[in-house]
């Protein structure tokens, strides 16, 4: 017999809504989260919002300070490096499985996502690009058909998804380079050259930490120059 699927609780649905808003950039990194405002926006009481924020804190998306309140996380370079390394291990393993188990379906979804990325670039739509980017990487786990692997990915990937959105929309990271890297993964996957596909994917994931490090350095230089002008 198949187990009965339990309906999601109000807290789980609330957490999903807030998680999506953070990942999509609707709630910016570092922004303060008002329980009452979120409750009013979602049409619920403060109790499920409070529980949802606590759950999202365990995912690394929210930081709760007893005296200051709740905030969307602010990226830390060390944490970003660790998350990228963790993601690289999971996603490259999933790509190997996906190529072996559902090559045709994987190719279909990858190519569909890349077409959506291209359309978003043409339309100057960074949010559309990040959504298609998320779909590309989710397709790898769908093709892998390993629920444990996918669950581990979903529980830890949200901060990196939010960071990708931040880089592409707030910091205007180079979408052309990102798109070309996706095409390299597709080309190698099409030929079933597993090692090359994995290598391209690993390079692509590593570039996220590099982009964030470069942006931090740029901001620090700008802050120093601003302080010098004001002195």
Protein backbone atom coordinates (compact mmCIF):
# COMPACT_ATOMS: atom_id res chain seq x y z
CA UNK A 1 0.00 0.00 0.00
CA UNK A 2 1.10 3.56 -0.69
CA UNK A 3 1.39 5.84 2.37
CA UNK A 4 -1.19 8.58 2.78
CA UNK A 5 0.11 12.00 1.91
CA UNK A 6 -0.63 14.44 4.69
CA UNK A 7 -1.86 17.89 3.67
CA UNK A 8 0.58 20.69 4.32
CA UNK A 9 0.11 22.67 7.51
CA UNK A 10 -0.55 26.40 7.49
CA UNK A 11 2.97 26.92 8.78
CA UNK A 12 4.45 24.93 5.86
CA UNK A 13 2.45 26.88 3.30
CA UNK A 14 3.45 30.15 4.97
CA UNK A 15 7.12 29.11 4.94
CA UNK A 16 6.85 28.25 1.23
CA UNK A 17 5.43 31.69 0.44
CA UNK A 18 8.12 33.53 2.41
CA UNK A 19 10.87 31.27 1.02
CA UNK A 20 9.74 32.01 -2.54
CA UNK A 21 9.62 35.76 -1.84
CA UNK A 22 13.21 35.69 -0.55
CA UNK A 23 14.53 33.55 -3.40
CA UNK A 24 12.70 35.69 -5.99
CA UNK A 25 14.14 38.88 -4.52
CA UNK A 26 10.80 40.26 -3.35
CA UNK A 27 12.24 40.33 0.17
CA UNK A 28 15.81 41.67 -0.33
CA UNK A 29 18.85 40.24 1.40
CA UNK A 30 19.36 41.84 4.80
CA UNK A 31 15.87 43.35 4.94
CA UNK A 32 13.93 43.34 8.20
CA UNK A 33 10.91 41.04 8.38
CA UNK A 34 7.83 42.23 10.24
CA UNK A 35 5.70 39.35 11.50
CA UNK A 36 2.57 41.52 11.42
CA UNK A 37 3.23 42.84 7.91
CA UNK A 38 3.88 39.34 6.57
CA UNK A 39 0.75 38.06 8.31
CA UNK A 40 -1.33 40.84 6.74
CA UNK A 41 0.14 40.18 3.29
CA UNK A 42 -0.51 36.44 3.50
CA UNK A 43 -3.88 36.69 5.21
CA UNK A 44 -2.89 34.63 8.25
CA UNK A 45 -2.27 35.22 11.93
CA UNK A 46 1.18 35.98 13.32
CA UNK A 47 1.55 32.49 14.82
CA UNK A 48 2.20 30.57 11.54
CA UNK A 49 4.45 33.42 10.37
CA UNK A 50 6.51 33.19 13.56
CA UNK A 51 6.83 29.40 13.17
CA UNK A 52 7.65 29.77 9.47
CA UNK A 53 10.45 32.24 10.18
CA UNK A 54 11.91 29.84 12.74
CA UNK A 55 11.84 27.05 10.14
CA UNK A 56 13.47 29.28 7.54
CA UNK A 57 16.17 30.17 10.04
CA UNK A 58 17.17 26.49 10.10
CA UNK A 59 17.55 26.67 6.28
CA UNK A 60 19.82 29.70 6.56
CA UNK A 61 17.37 32.05 4.85
CA UNK A 62 16.36 34.02 7.94
CA UNK A 63 18.25 35.27 10.97
CA UNK A 64 16.35 35.93 14.17
CA UNK A 65 17.75 38.18 16.89
CA UNK A 66 15.81 38.22 20.20
CA UNK A 67 16.34 41.97 20.62
CA UNK A 68 16.43 43.20 17.02
CA UNK A 69 13.84 41.03 15.25
CA UNK A 70 13.94 38.87 12.13
CA UNK A 71 15.92 39.59 8.98
CA UNK A 72 16.53 38.01 5.60
CA UNK A 73 20.03 36.56 5.76
CA UNK A 74 23.06 38.60 4.71
CA UNK A 75 25.58 36.50 2.77
CA UNK A 76 28.89 35.68 4.41
CA UNK A 77 31.71 34.78 2.03
CA UNK A 78 32.81 31.77 4.06
CA UNK A 79 29.28 30.40 4.17
CA UNK A 80 28.82 31.04 0.44
CA UNK A 81 32.00 29.07 -0.30
CA UNK A 82 30.79 26.16 1.82
CA UNK A 83 27.32 26.21 0.25
CA UNK A 84 28.77 26.27 -3.26
CA UNK A 85 31.01 23.31 -2.41
CA UNK A 86 28.03 21.44 -0.95
CA UNK A 87 25.91 22.26 -3.99
CA UNK A 88 28.68 21.15 -6.35
CA UNK A 89 28.88 17.74 -4.70
CA UNK A 90 25.12 17.18 -4.84
CA UNK A 91 24.46 18.63 -8.28
CA UNK A 92 27.31 16.91 -10.11
CA UNK A 93 26.22 13.59 -8.57
CA UNK A 94 22.65 14.29 -9.72
CA UNK A 95 23.85 15.12 -13.24
CA UNK A 96 25.62 11.77 -13.50
CA UNK A 97 22.44 10.00 -12.43
CA UNK A 98 20.23 12.10 -14.69
CA UNK A 99 22.30 11.35 -17.79
CA UNK A 100 22.18 7.63 -17.00
CA UNK A 101 18.51 7.42 -16.01
CA UNK A 102 16.61 9.97 -18.07
CA UNK A 103 18.85 11.45 -20.73
CA UNK A 104 16.04 12.43 -23.09
CA UNK A 105 13.93 14.09 -20.41
CA UNK A 106 16.96 15.89 -19.00
CA UNK A 107 17.89 17.28 -22.42
CA UNK A 108 14.32 18.44 -23.07
CA UNK A 109 14.09 20.36 -19.80
CA UNK A 110 17.60 21.82 -20.02
CA UNK A 111 17.02 23.12 -23.54
CA UNK A 112 13.60 24.51 -22.57
CA UNK A 113 15.16 26.38 -19.64
CA UNK A 114 17.94 27.78 -21.82
CA UNK A 115 15.41 29.09 -24.34
CA UNK A 116 13.63 30.82 -21.45
CA UNK A 117 16.95 32.33 -20.29
CA UNK A 118 17.64 33.63 -23.81
CA UNK A 119 14.17 35.17 -24.01
CA UNK A 120 14.67 36.82 -20.62
CA UNK A 121 17.99 38.33 -21.73
CA UNK A 122 16.36 39.67 -24.91
CA UNK A 123 13.56 41.17 -22.81
CA UNK A 124 16.01 42.61 -20.24
CA UNK A 125 14.18 40.62 -17.56
CA UNK A 126 16.65 39.57 -14.83
CA UNK A 127 13.91 38.04 -12.68
CA UNK A 128 12.79 35.92 -15.62
CA UNK A 129 16.39 34.86 -16.14
CA UNK A 130 16.82 33.73 -12.53
CA UNK A 131 13.55 31.77 -12.68
CA UNK A 132 14.69 29.94 -15.82
CA UNK A 133 18.09 29.38 -14.20
CA UNK A 134 16.40 27.74 -11.21
CA UNK A 135 14.37 25.54 -13.56
CA UNK A 136 17.54 24.41 -15.37
CA UNK A 137 19.17 23.18 -12.19
CA UNK A 138 15.96 21.68 -10.81
CA UNK A 139 15.71 19.64 -14.03
CA UNK A 140 18.97 17.90 -13.14
CA UNK A 141 17.52 16.62 -9.88
CA UNK A 142 14.23 15.63 -11.49
CA UNK A 143 16.13 13.52 -14.01
CA UNK A 144 18.25 11.95 -11.27
CA UNK A 145 15.07 10.57 -9.67
CA UNK A 146 16.65 10.24 -6.24
CA UNK A 147 14.34 11.63 -3.59
CA UNK A 148 16.96 11.65 -0.84
CA UNK A 149 19.40 13.60 -2.99
CA UNK A 150 16.69 16.05 -4.03
CA UNK A 151 15.54 16.54 -0.43
CA UNK A 152 19.08 17.31 0.72
CA UNK A 153 19.46 19.80 -2.14
CA UNK A 154 16.14 21.53 -1.44
CA UNK A 155 16.88 21.88 2.27
CA UNK A 156 20.17 23.67 1.68
CA UNK A 157 19.96 25.43 -1.69
CA UNK A 158 17.58 28.30 -0.90
CA UNK A 159 20.28 30.75 0.31
CA UNK A 160 22.26 30.20 -2.88
CA UNK A 161 19.14 30.66 -5.01
CA UNK A 162 18.51 33.96 -3.22
CA UNK A 163 22.13 34.97 -3.76
CA UNK A 164 21.88 34.15 -7.49
CA UNK A 165 18.80 36.37 -7.72
CA UNK A 166 20.66 39.12 -5.88
CA UNK A 167 23.65 38.88 -8.22
CA UNK A 168 21.58 38.87 -11.40
CA UNK A 169 19.06 41.54 -10.42
CA UNK A 170 20.66 43.82 -7.84
CA UNK A 171 24.32 43.43 -8.76
CA UNK A 172 23.76 42.78 -12.50
CA UNK A 173 26.07 39.79 -12.78
CA UNK A 174 27.04 38.79 -16.36
CA UNK A 175 24.09 36.76 -17.66
CA UNK A 176 25.82 36.19 -21.02
CA UNK A 177 28.61 34.25 -19.33
CA UNK A 178 26.11 32.35 -17.24
CA UNK A 179 24.09 31.41 -20.34
CA UNK A 180 27.17 30.24 -22.24
CA UNK A 181 28.10 28.01 -19.30
CA UNK A 182 24.64 26.43 -19.35
CA UNK A 183 25.07 25.73 -23.07
CA UNK A 184 28.41 24.01 -22.41
CA UNK A 185 26.70 21.70 -19.90
CA UNK A 186 23.96 20.95 -22.44
CA UNK A 187 26.42 20.20 -25.25
CA UNK A 188 28.40 17.74 -23.14
CA UNK A 189 25.21 16.18 -21.76
CA UNK A 190 23.85 15.76 -25.29
CA UNK A 191 26.96 13.72 -26.21
CA UNK A 192 26.68 11.80 -22.93
CA UNK A 193 30.20 12.93 -22.10
CA UNK A 194 29.55 12.65 -18.37
CA UNK A 195 32.94 13.77 -17.12
CA UNK A 196 32.98 16.87 -19.33
CA UNK A 197 29.38 17.77 -18.41
CA UNK A 198 30.23 17.45 -14.72
CA UNK A 199 33.37 19.55 -15.19
CA UNK A 200 31.43 22.35 -16.90
CA UNK A 201 28.75 22.24 -14.21
CA UNK A 202 31.34 22.39 -11.43
CA UNK A 203 33.00 25.41 -13.06
CA UNK A 204 29.62 27.11 -13.41
CA UNK A 205 28.73 26.58 -9.76
CA UNK A 206 32.16 27.79 -8.64
CA UNK A 207 31.69 31.03 -10.55
CA UNK A 208 28.83 32.00 -8.21
CA UNK A 209 31.22 32.30 -5.25
CA UNK A 210 33.75 34.09 -7.47
CA UNK A 211 31.12 36.60 -8.62
CA UNK A 212 30.04 37.28 -5.05
CA UNK A 213 33.67 37.72 -3.94
CA UNK A 214 34.30 40.16 -6.80
CA UNK A 215 31.20 42.17 -5.95
CA UNK A 216 32.18 42.36 -2.28
CA UNK A 217 35.65 43.62 -3.24
CA UNK A 218 34.11 46.22 -5.54
CA UNK A 219 31.73 47.42 -2.81
CA UNK A 220 34.58 47.64 -0.30
CA UNK A 221 36.63 49.73 -2.73
CA UNK A 222 33.66 52.00 -3.38
CA UNK A 223 33.02 52.38 0.36
CA UNK A 224 36.68 53.27 0.95
CA UNK A 225 36.63 55.83 -1.86
CA UNK A 226 33.42 57.33 -0.50
CA UNK A 227 34.92 57.58 2.99
CA UNK A 228 38.05 59.23 1.56
CA UNK A 229 35.98 61.84 -0.30
CA UNK A 230 34.04 62.64 2.85
CA UNK A 231 37.17 62.99 5.02
